[in-house]
Protein backbone atom coordinates (compact mmCIF):
# COMPACT_ATOMS: atom_id res chain seq x y z
CA GLN A 1 267.57 124.55 152.43
CA VAL A 2 270.63 123.53 150.37
CA GLN A 3 274.11 124.97 150.65
CA LEU A 4 276.29 125.03 147.49
CA VAL A 5 280.06 125.52 147.97
CA GLU A 6 282.27 126.35 145.00
CA SER A 7 286.03 125.89 144.77
CA GLY A 8 288.75 125.85 142.16
CA GLY A 9 288.96 129.46 141.05
CA GLY A 10 292.32 131.26 140.71
CA LEU A 11 294.57 133.18 138.50
CA VAL A 12 295.61 131.78 135.17
CA GLN A 13 297.17 132.91 132.04
CA ALA A 14 295.29 133.13 128.70
CA GLY A 15 295.14 129.73 127.06
CA GLY A 16 295.22 127.99 130.43
CA SER A 17 292.73 125.76 132.22
CA LEU A 18 290.79 125.63 135.40
CA ARG A 19 288.26 123.29 136.89
CA LEU A 20 285.56 124.60 139.18
CA SER A 21 283.67 122.42 141.63
CA CYS A 22 280.33 122.91 143.29
CA THR A 23 279.30 120.54 146.08
CA ALA A 24 275.76 120.51 147.38
CA SER A 25 274.99 119.82 151.18
CA ARG A 26 272.42 117.10 150.26
CA ASN A 27 271.53 114.99 147.29
CA ILE A 28 269.51 117.15 144.93
CA PHE A 29 271.06 116.02 141.67
CA SER A 30 268.41 113.43 140.95
CA PHE A 31 265.79 116.08 140.45
CA SER A 32 267.63 119.33 139.90
CA THR A 33 269.21 121.17 137.08
CA MET A 34 272.59 122.47 138.10
CA GLY A 35 274.55 125.10 136.40
CA TRP A 36 276.92 128.02 136.39
CA TYR A 37 276.63 131.81 136.01
CA ARG A 38 279.43 134.27 136.00
CA GLN A 39 279.68 137.99 136.66
CA ALA A 40 282.40 140.40 135.63
CA PRO A 41 282.89 143.71 137.34
CA GLY A 42 280.37 146.23 136.16
CA ASN A 43 278.46 143.57 134.21
CA GLN A 44 275.23 141.69 134.76
CA ARG A 45 275.30 138.06 135.83
CA GLU A 46 275.61 135.85 132.71
CA TRP A 47 274.57 132.25 132.42
CA VAL A 48 277.32 129.96 131.40
CA ALA A 49 276.32 126.29 131.32
CA SER A 50 273.82 123.83 132.85
CA ILE A 51 273.24 120.15 133.23
CA THR A 52 269.86 118.54 133.81
CA SER A 53 269.11 115.68 136.20
CA GLY A 54 269.16 113.39 133.12
CA GLY A 55 272.61 114.66 132.08
CA THR A 56 271.71 116.93 129.21
CA THR A 57 274.09 119.88 128.90
CA ASN A 58 273.75 123.31 127.54
CA TYR A 59 276.29 126.05 126.98
CA ALA A 60 276.41 129.78 126.36
CA ASP A 61 277.77 130.52 122.83
CA SER A 62 280.65 132.36 124.38
CA VAL A 63 281.98 129.22 125.98
CA LYS A 64 280.80 126.49 123.77
CA GLY A 65 283.71 124.22 122.70
CA ARG A 66 285.88 125.44 125.55
CA PHE A 67 284.01 124.64 128.70
CA THR A 68 282.51 121.29 129.79
CA ILE A 69 280.00 120.84 132.62
CA SER A 70 279.70 117.47 134.31
CA LYS A 71 278.56 115.95 137.57
CA VAL A 72 278.99 113.08 139.87
CA ASN A 73 275.69 112.34 141.59
CA THR A 74 277.23 110.18 144.30
CA LYS A 75 279.45 113.06 145.33
CA ASN A 76 276.72 115.74 145.07
CA THR A 77 279.24 117.66 142.96
CA VAL A 78 279.05 119.48 139.67
CA TYR A 79 282.19 120.51 137.71
CA LEU A 80 283.02 123.18 135.13
CA GLN A 81 286.12 122.30 133.14
CA MET A 82 287.29 125.54 131.55
CA ASN A 83 290.01 125.21 128.73
CA SER A 84 291.50 127.79 126.36
CA LEU A 85 290.65 130.54 128.89
CA LYS A 86 290.46 134.15 127.61
CA PRO A 87 290.67 137.40 129.63
CA GLU A 88 286.99 137.93 128.91
CA ASP A 89 286.24 134.83 130.98
CA THR A 90 287.36 136.73 134.06
CA GLY A 91 284.74 137.07 136.81
CA ALA A 92 283.06 135.58 139.79
CA TYR A 93 281.57 132.20 139.01
CA TYR A 94 278.48 131.10 140.84
CA CYS A 95 276.93 127.68 141.04
CA TYR A 96 273.14 127.24 141.17
CA SER A 97 270.54 124.53 141.55
CA ASP A 98 267.02 124.53 140.16
CA GLY A 99 264.90 121.82 141.74
CA GLY A 100 262.24 123.94 143.44
CA PRO A 101 263.75 127.08 144.90
CA ARG A 102 266.86 128.34 143.22
CA TYR A 103 269.88 128.10 145.39
CA TRP A 104 273.15 129.85 144.83
CA GLY A 105 276.74 129.24 145.92
CA GLN A 106 278.94 132.06 147.30
CA GLY A 107 281.03 132.33 144.19
CA THR A 108 284.59 131.67 143.28
CA GLN A 109 286.82 134.07 141.44
CA VAL A 110 288.45 133.39 138.14
CA THR A 111 291.00 135.77 136.72
CA VAL A 112 292.55 135.28 133.27
CA SER A 113 295.58 137.36 132.54
CA SER A 114 296.63 138.30 128.94
């Protein structure tokens, strides 16, 4: 069992930045892909970004060029740097890991005001 704990959400104006963090309860980064989904009210959960155990990153088209995913293996932590935020980025952001069973964090809320 792995626990994922997110932090860093909040309220920001359009054009601003936030950095989300997700820390795992044990070292899984060496063999797991980590990533982020988001879910706006009334919408389905949407994949945002991922980073493989080898460090390859992928992004949804809607965030490409604005968001950056990274990780620090020794801290068991993955980050999502979000710049040039837009109101449509508003939602609950969930961290996940894929290294066998998929694990999810509890989510952190991001609200972008116009």
